Amino acid sequence: DRLSQLIMLTAEEHKKKDGIISLLFSIS
């Protein structure tokens, strides 16, 4: 349900998106 809501959400990409992804990969 939350994923469906996120698809409908018109949000700008986070300005640190690449940093967030890099962080998630480095701490897993």
PDB file of all heavy atoms in Angstrom:
ATOM      1  N   ASP A   1       0.843  -1.209   0.000  1.00  0.00           N
ATOM      2  CA  ASP A   1       0.000   0.000   0.000  1.00  0.00           C
ATOM      3  C   ASP A   1       0.872   1.251   0.000  1.00  0.00           C
ATOM      4  O   ASP A   1       0.602   2.213  -0.731  1.00  0.00           O
ATOM      5  CB  ASP A   1      -0.930   0.022   1.217  1.00  0.00           C
ATOM      6  CG  ASP A   1      -2.045  -1.002   1.133  1.00  0.00           C
ATOM      7  OD1 ASP A   1      -2.295  -1.537   0.027  1.00  0.00           O
ATOM      8  OD2 ASP A   1      -2.665  -1.274   2.184  1.00  0.00           O
ATOM      9  N   ARG A   2       1.932   1.232   0.803  1.00  0.00           N
ATOM     10  CA  ARG A   2       2.835   2.389   0.863  1.00  0.00           C
ATOM     11  C   ARG A   2       3.565   2.576  -0.464  1.00  0.00           C
ATOM     12  O   ARG A   2       3.748   3.711  -0.919  1.00  0.00           O
ATOM     13  CB  ARG A   2       3.836   2.206   2.011  1.00  0.00           C
ATOM     14  CG  ARG A   2       4.762   3.388   2.166  1.00  0.00           C
ATOM     15  CD  ARG A   2       4.003   4.648   2.516  1.00  0.00           C
ATOM     16  NE  ARG A   2       4.913   5.749   2.710  1.00  0.00           N
ATOM     17  CZ  ARG A   2       4.666   7.006   2.360  1.00  0.00           C
ATOM     18  NH1 ARG A   2       3.508   7.331   1.808  1.00  0.00           N
ATOM     19  NH2 ARG A   2       5.538   7.945   2.576  1.00  0.00           N
ATOM     20  N   LEU A   3       3.947   1.486  -1.104  1.00  0.00           N
ATOM     21  CA  LEU A   3       4.615   1.600  -2.405  1.00  0.00           C
ATOM     22  C   LEU A   3       3.670   2.197  -3.442  1.00  0.00           C
ATOM     23  O   LEU A   3       4.079   3.020  -4.268  1.00  0.00           O
ATOM     24  CB  LEU A   3       5.126   0.232  -2.871  1.00  0.00           C
ATOM     25  CG  LEU A   3       6.257  -0.385  -2.059  1.00  0.00           C
ATOM     26  CD1 LEU A   3       6.653  -1.731  -2.644  1.00  0.00           C
ATOM     27  CD2 LEU A   3       7.448   0.536  -1.964  1.00  0.00           C
ATOM     28  N   SER A   4       2.412   1.810  -3.392  1.00  0.00           N
ATOM     29  CA  SER A   4       1.421   2.387  -4.316  1.00  0.00           C
ATOM     30  C   SER A   4       1.272   3.882  -4.079  1.00  0.00           C
ATOM     31  O   SER A   4       1.151   4.662  -5.025  1.00  0.00           O
ATOM     32  CB  SER A   4       0.071   1.691  -4.145  1.00  0.00           C
ATOM     33  OG  SER A   4       0.174   0.329  -4.465  1.00  0.00           O
ATOM     34  N   GLN A   5       1.279   4.292  -2.811  1.00  0.00           N
ATOM     35  CA  GLN A   5       1.202   5.715  -2.486  1.00  0.00           C
ATOM     36  C   GLN A   5       2.434   6.458  -2.998  1.00  0.00           C
ATOM     37  O   GLN A   5       2.334   7.573  -3.500  1.00  0.00           O
ATOM     38  CB  GLN A   5       1.085   5.909  -0.977  1.00  0.00           C
ATOM     39  CG  GLN A   5      -0.212   5.429  -0.377  1.00  0.00           C
ATOM     40  CD  GLN A   5      -0.171   5.450   1.148  1.00  0.00           C
ATOM     41  OE1 GLN A   5       0.831   5.824   1.761  1.00  0.00           O
ATOM     42  NE2 GLN A   5      -1.272   5.025   1.764  1.00  0.00           N
ATOM     43  N   LEU A   6       3.602   5.830  -2.867  1.00  0.00           N
ATOM     44  CA  LEU A   6       4.829   6.480  -3.323  1.00  0.00           C
ATOM     45  C   LEU A   6       4.845   6.658  -4.835  1.00  0.00           C
ATOM     46  O   LEU A   6       5.389   7.639  -5.339  1.00  0.00           O
ATOM     47  CB  LEU A   6       6.062   5.675  -2.884  1.00  0.00           C
ATOM     48  CG  LEU A   6       6.404   5.744  -1.402  1.00  0.00           C
ATOM     49  CD1 LEU A   6       7.571   4.815  -1.090  1.00  0.00           C
ATOM     50  CD2 LEU A   6       6.730   7.158  -0.967  1.00  0.00           C
ATOM     51  N   ILE A   7       4.256   5.723  -5.555  1.00  0.00           N
ATOM     52  CA  ILE A   7       4.189   5.857  -7.016  1.00  0.00           C
ATOM     53  C   ILE A   7       3.361   7.077  -7.385  1.00  0.00           C
ATOM     54  O   ILE A   7       3.702   7.835  -8.294  1.00  0.00           O
ATOM     55  CB  ILE A   7       3.617   4.573  -7.649  1.00  0.00           C
ATOM     56  CG1 ILE A   7       4.662   3.455  -7.559  1.00  0.00           C
ATOM     57  CG2 ILE A   7       3.227   4.803  -9.100  1.00  0.00           C
ATOM     58  CD1 ILE A   7       4.162   2.100  -8.000  1.00  0.00           C
ATOM     59  N   MET A   8       2.273   7.308  -6.666  1.00  0.00           N
ATOM     60  CA  MET A   8       1.393   8.447  -6.934  1.00  0.00           C
ATOM     61  C   MET A   8       1.988   9.766  -6.450  1.00  0.00           C
ATOM     62  O   MET A   8       1.618  10.831  -6.934  1.00  0.00           O
ATOM     63  CB  MET A   8       0.027   8.245  -6.265  1.00  0.00           C
ATOM     64  CG  MET A   8      -0.714   7.026  -6.737  1.00  0.00           C
ATOM     65  SD  MET A   8      -0.980   7.130  -8.506  1.00  0.00           S
ATOM     66  CE  MET A   8      -1.504   5.487  -8.863  1.00  0.00           C
ATOM     67  N   LEU A   9       2.927   9.686  -5.528  1.00  0.00           N
ATOM     68  CA  LEU A   9       3.540  10.879  -4.952  1.00  0.00           C
ATOM     69  C   LEU A   9       4.438  11.558  -5.989  1.00  0.00           C
ATOM     70  O   LEU A   9       5.261  10.929  -6.633  1.00  0.00           O
ATOM     71  CB  LEU A   9       4.381  10.481  -3.732  1.00  0.00           C
ATOM     72  CG  LEU A   9       5.079  11.598  -2.973  1.00  0.00           C
ATOM     73  CD1 LEU A   9       4.059  12.465  -2.259  1.00  0.00           C
ATOM     74  CD2 LEU A   9       6.052  11.000  -1.981  1.00  0.00           C
ATOM     75  N   THR A  10       4.233  12.850  -6.149  1.00  0.00           N
ATOM     76  CA  THR A  10       5.082  13.615  -7.074  1.00  0.00           C
ATOM     77  C   THR A  10       6.116  14.376  -6.252  1.00  0.00           C
ATOM     78  O   THR A  10       5.953  15.546  -5.952  1.00  0.00           O
ATOM     79  CB  THR A  10       4.247  14.593  -7.918  1.00  0.00           C
ATOM     80  OG1 THR A  10       3.484  15.418  -7.026  1.00  0.00           O
ATOM     81  CG2 THR A  10       3.344  13.854  -8.862  1.00  0.00           C
ATOM     82  N   ALA A  11       7.156  13.664  -5.883  1.00  0.00           N
ATOM     83  CA  ALA A  11       8.218  14.260  -5.072  1.00  0.00           C
ATOM     84  C   ALA A  11       9.483  14.388  -5.901  1.00  0.00           C
ATOM     85  O   ALA A  11       9.778  13.556  -6.738  1.00  0.00           O
ATOM     86  CB  ALA A  11       8.488  13.382  -3.855  1.00  0.00           C
ATOM     87  N   GLU A  12      10.189  15.475  -5.654  1.00  0.00           N
ATOM     88  CA  GLU A  12      11.480  15.656  -6.309  1.00  0.00           C
ATOM     89  C   GLU A  12      12.470  14.663  -5.741  1.00  0.00           C
ATOM     90  O   GLU A  12      12.373  14.254  -4.591  1.00  0.00           O
ATOM     91  CB  GLU A  12      12.000  17.072  -6.052  1.00  0.00           C
ATOM     92  CG  GLU A  12      11.250  18.153  -6.767  1.00  0.00           C
ATOM     93  CD  GLU A  12      11.883  19.515  -6.522  1.00  0.00           C
ATOM     94  OE1 GLU A  12      13.103  19.578  -6.273  1.00  0.00           O
ATOM     95  OE2 GLU A  12      11.148  20.502  -6.579  1.00  0.00           O
ATOM     96  N   GLU A  13      13.450  14.299  -6.557  1.00  0.00           N
ATOM     97  CA  GLU A  13      14.509  13.429  -6.079  1.00  0.00           C
ATOM     98  C   GLU A  13      15.283  14.148  -4.981  1.00  0.00           C
ATOM     99  O   GLU A  13      15.510  15.349  -5.064  1.00  0.00           O
ATOM    100  CB  GLU A  13      15.461  13.051  -7.220  1.00  0.00           C
ATOM    101  CG  GLU A  13      14.847  12.138  -8.254  1.00  0.00           C
ATOM    102  CD  GLU A  13      14.511  10.761  -7.720  1.00  0.00           C
ATOM    103  OE1 GLU A  13      15.213  10.266  -6.812  1.00  0.00           O
ATOM    104  OE2 GLU A  13      13.517  10.185  -8.194  1.00  0.00           O
ATOM    105  N   HIS A  14      15.646  13.426  -3.960  1.00  0.00           N
ATOM    106  CA  HIS A  14      16.439  14.000  -2.879  1.00  0.00           C
ATOM    107  C   HIS A  14      17.765  14.472  -3.456  1.00  0.00           C
ATOM    108  O   HIS A  14      18.366  13.795  -4.293  1.00  0.00           O
ATOM    109  CB  HIS A  14      16.660  12.963  -1.785  1.00  0.00           C
ATOM    110  CG  HIS A  14      17.123  13.533  -0.494  1.00  0.00           C
ATOM    111  ND1 HIS A  14      18.426  13.926  -0.295  1.00  0.00           N
ATOM    112  CD2 HIS A  14      16.455  13.797   0.655  1.00  0.00           C
ATOM    113  CE1 HIS A  14      18.548  14.394   0.933  1.00  0.00           C
ATOM    114  NE2 HIS A  14      17.369  14.328   1.538  1.00  0.00           N
ATOM    115  N   LYS A  15      18.212  15.649  -3.027  1.00  0.00           N
ATOM    116  CA  LYS A  15      19.440  16.205  -3.594  1.00  0.00           C
ATOM    117  C   LYS A  15      20.665  15.355  -3.261  1.00  0.00           C
ATOM    118  O   LYS A  15      21.671  15.429  -3.944  1.00  0.00           O
ATOM    119  CB  LYS A  15      19.639  17.649  -3.131  1.00  0.00           C
ATOM    120  CG  LYS A  15      19.749  17.815  -1.636  1.00  0.00           C
ATOM    121  CD  LYS A  15      19.802  19.272  -1.245  1.00  0.00           C
ATOM    122  CE  LYS A  15      19.777  19.400   0.280  1.00  0.00           C
ATOM    123  NZ  LYS A  15      19.671  20.769   0.697  1.00  0.00           N
ATOM    124  N   LYS A  16      20.575  14.518  -2.242  1.00  0.00           N
ATOM    125  CA  LYS A  16      21.678  13.631  -1.881  1.00  0.00           C
ATOM    126  C   LYS A  16      21.326  12.163  -2.160  1.00  0.00           C
ATOM    127  O   LYS A  16      21.763  11.274  -1.448  1.00  0.00           O
ATOM    128  CB  LYS A  16      22.025  13.797  -0.405  1.00  0.00           C
ATOM    129  CG  LYS A  16      22.609  15.144  -0.056  1.00  0.00           C
ATOM    130  CD  LYS A  16      23.071  15.193   1.376  1.00  0.00           C
ATOM    131  CE  LYS A  16      23.721  16.517   1.714  1.00  0.00           C
ATOM    132  NZ  LYS A  16      24.201  16.555   3.097  1.00  0.00           N
ATOM    133  N   LYS A  17      20.549  11.934  -3.210  1.00  0.00           N
ATOM    134  CA  LYS A  17      20.099  10.567  -3.524  1.00  0.00           C
ATOM    135  C   LYS A  17      21.277   9.621  -3.699  1.00  0.00           C
ATOM    136  O   LYS A  17      21.285   8.516  -3.142  1.00  0.00           O
ATOM    137  CB  LYS A  17      19.239  10.564  -4.786  1.00  0.00           C
ATOM    138  CG  LYS A  17      18.772   9.186  -5.188  1.00  0.00           C
ATOM    139  CD  LYS A  17      17.966   9.220  -6.458  1.00  0.00           C
ATOM    140  CE  LYS A  17      17.574   7.813  -6.877  1.00  0.00           C
ATOM    141  NZ  LYS A  17      16.846   7.802  -8.133  1.00  0.00           N
ATOM    142  N   ASP A  18      22.283  10.030  -4.461  1.00  0.00           N
ATOM    143  CA  ASP A  18      23.437   9.164  -4.681  1.00  0.00           C
ATOM    144  C   ASP A  18      24.184   8.895  -3.378  1.00  0.00           C
ATOM    145  O   ASP A  18      24.672   7.783  -3.151  1.00  0.00           O
ATOM    146  CB  ASP A  18      24.381   9.776  -5.712  1.00  0.00           C
ATOM    147  CG  ASP A  18      23.764   9.814  -7.104  1.00  0.00           C
ATOM    148  OD1 ASP A  18      22.865   8.990  -7.378  1.00  0.00           O
ATOM    149  OD2 ASP A  18      24.175  10.669  -7.907  1.00  0.00           O
ATOM    150  N   GLY A  19      24.245   9.888  -2.514  1.00  0.00           N
ATOM    151  CA  GLY A  19      24.886   9.709  -1.213  1.00  0.00           C
ATOM    152  C   GLY A  19      24.114   8.751  -0.326  1.00  0.00           C
ATOM    153  O   GLY A  19      24.711   7.960   0.407  1.00  0.00           O
ATOM    154  N   ILE A  20      22.791   8.818  -0.402  1.00  0.00           N
ATOM    155  CA  ILE A  20      21.954   7.912   0.381  1.00  0.00           C
ATOM    156  C   ILE A  20      22.161   6.476  -0.090  1.00  0.00           C
ATOM    157  O   ILE A  20      22.353   5.557   0.716  1.00  0.00           O
ATOM    158  CB  ILE A  20      20.468   8.307   0.280  1.00  0.00           C
ATOM    159  CG1 ILE A  20      20.240   9.677   0.926  1.00  0.00           C
ATOM    160  CG2 ILE A  20      19.574   7.258   0.929  1.00  0.00           C
ATOM    161  CD1 ILE A  20      18.880  10.275   0.640  1.00  0.00           C
ATOM    162  N   ILE A  21      22.140   6.273  -1.404  1.00  0.00           N
ATOM    163  CA  ILE A  21      22.326   4.930  -1.955  1.00  0.00           C
ATOM    164  C   ILE A  21      23.713   4.407  -1.599  1.00  0.00           C
ATOM    165  O   ILE A  21      23.872   3.258  -1.184  1.00  0.00           O
ATOM    166  CB  ILE A  21      22.100   4.941  -3.481  1.00  0.00           C
ATOM    167  CG1 ILE A  21      20.633   5.255  -3.789  1.00  0.00           C
ATOM    168  CG2 ILE A  21      22.506   3.612  -4.103  1.00  0.00           C
ATOM    169  CD1 ILE A  21      20.337   5.511  -5.254  1.00  0.00           C
ATOM    170  N   SER A  22      24.711   5.255  -1.722  1.00  0.00           N
ATOM    171  CA  SER A  22      26.074   4.857  -1.376  1.00  0.00           C
ATOM    172  C   SER A  22      26.173   4.474   0.097  1.00  0.00           C
ATOM    173  O   SER A  22      26.826   3.479   0.455  1.00  0.00           O
ATOM    174  CB  SER A  22      27.027   6.003  -1.694  1.00  0.00           C
ATOM    175  OG  SER A  22      28.321   5.703  -1.301  1.00  0.00           O
ATOM    176  N   LEU A  23      25.530   5.236   0.967  1.00  0.00           N
ATOM    177  CA  LEU A  23      25.534   4.938   2.392  1.00  0.00           C
ATOM    178  C   LEU A  23      24.856   3.604   2.662  1.00  0.00           C
ATOM    179  O   LEU A  23      25.370   2.772   3.417  1.00  0.00           O
ATOM    180  CB  LEU A  23      24.842   6.048   3.185  1.00  0.00           C
ATOM    181  CG  LEU A  23      24.648   5.773   4.676  1.00  0.00           C
ATOM    182  CD1 LEU A  23      25.996   5.752   5.374  1.00  0.00           C
ATOM    183  CD2 LEU A  23      23.719   6.779   5.286  1.00  0.00           C
ATOM    184  N   LEU A  24      23.688   3.373   2.060  1.00  0.00           N
ATOM    185  CA  LEU A  24      22.970   2.114   2.278  1.00  0.00           C
ATOM    186  C   LEU A  24      23.825   0.927   1.849  1.00  0.00           C
ATOM    187  O   LEU A  24      23.861  -0.105   2.539  1.00  0.00           O
ATOM    188  CB  LEU A  24      21.636   2.121   1.515  1.00  0.00           C
ATOM    189  CG  LEU A  24      20.582   3.095   2.015  1.00  0.00           C
ATOM    190  CD1 LEU A  24      19.367   3.084   1.089  1.00  0.00           C
ATOM    191  CD2 LEU A  24      20.157   2.775   3.444  1.00  0.00           C
ATOM    192  N   PHE A  25      24.502   1.054   0.722  1.00  0.00           N
ATOM    193  CA  PHE A  25      25.349  -0.034   0.251  1.00  0.00           C
ATOM    194  C   PHE A  25      26.566  -0.235   1.149  1.00  0.00           C
ATOM    195  O   PHE A  25      27.012  -1.368   1.354  1.00  0.00           O
ATOM    196  CB  PHE A  25      25.792   0.208  -1.181  1.00  0.00           C
ATOM    197  CG  PHE A  25      24.716  -0.052  -2.212  1.00  0.00           C
ATOM    198  CD1 PHE A  25      24.973   0.181  -3.536  1.00  0.00           C
ATOM    199  CD2 PHE A  25      23.455  -0.512  -1.853  1.00  0.00           C
ATOM    200  CE1 PHE A  25      23.995  -0.060  -4.499  1.00  0.00           C
ATOM    201  CE2 PHE A  25      22.475  -0.741  -2.794  1.00  0.00           C
ATOM    202  CZ  PHE A  25      22.746  -0.528  -4.119  1.00  0.00           C
ATOM    203  N   SER A  26      27.103   0.850   1.674  1.00  0.00           N
ATOM    204  CA  SER A  26      28.327   0.717   2.495  1.00  0.00           C
ATOM    205  C   SER A  26      28.047   0.174   3.897  1.00  0.00           C
ATOM    206  O   SER A  26      28.934  -0.443   4.496  1.00  0.00           O
ATOM    207  CB  SER A  26      29.057   2.058   2.580  1.00  0.00           C
ATOM    208  OG  SER A  26      28.316   2.989   3.308  1.00  0.00           O
ATOM    209  N   ILE A  27      26.835   0.354   4.418  1.00  0.00           N
ATOM    210  CA  ILE A  27      26.560  -0.143   5.774  1.00  0.00           C
ATOM    211  C   ILE A  27      25.835  -1.489   5.758  1.00  0.00           C
ATOM    212  O   ILE A  27      25.499  -2.014   6.814  1.00  0.00           O
ATOM    213  CB  ILE A  27      25.764   0.879   6.621  1.00  0.00           C
ATOM    214  CG1 ILE A  27      24.389   1.171   6.016  1.00  0.00           C
ATOM    215  CG2 ILE A  27      26.576   2.147   6.815  1.00  0.00           C
ATOM    216  CD1 ILE A  27      23.506   2.043   6.891  1.00  0.00           C
ATOM    217  N   SER A  28      25.600  -2.035   4.586  1.00  0.00           N
ATOM    218  CA  SER A  28      25.008  -3.378   4.515  1.00  0.00           C
ATOM    219  C   SER A  28      26.075  -4.361   4.048  1.00  0.00           C
ATOM    220  O   SER A  28      27.028  -3.975   3.387  1.00  0.00           O
ATOM    221  CB  SER A  28      23.816  -3.398   3.551  1.00  0.00           C
ATOM    222  OG  SER A  28      24.232  -3.167   2.233  1.00  0.00           O
TER     223      SER A  28
END
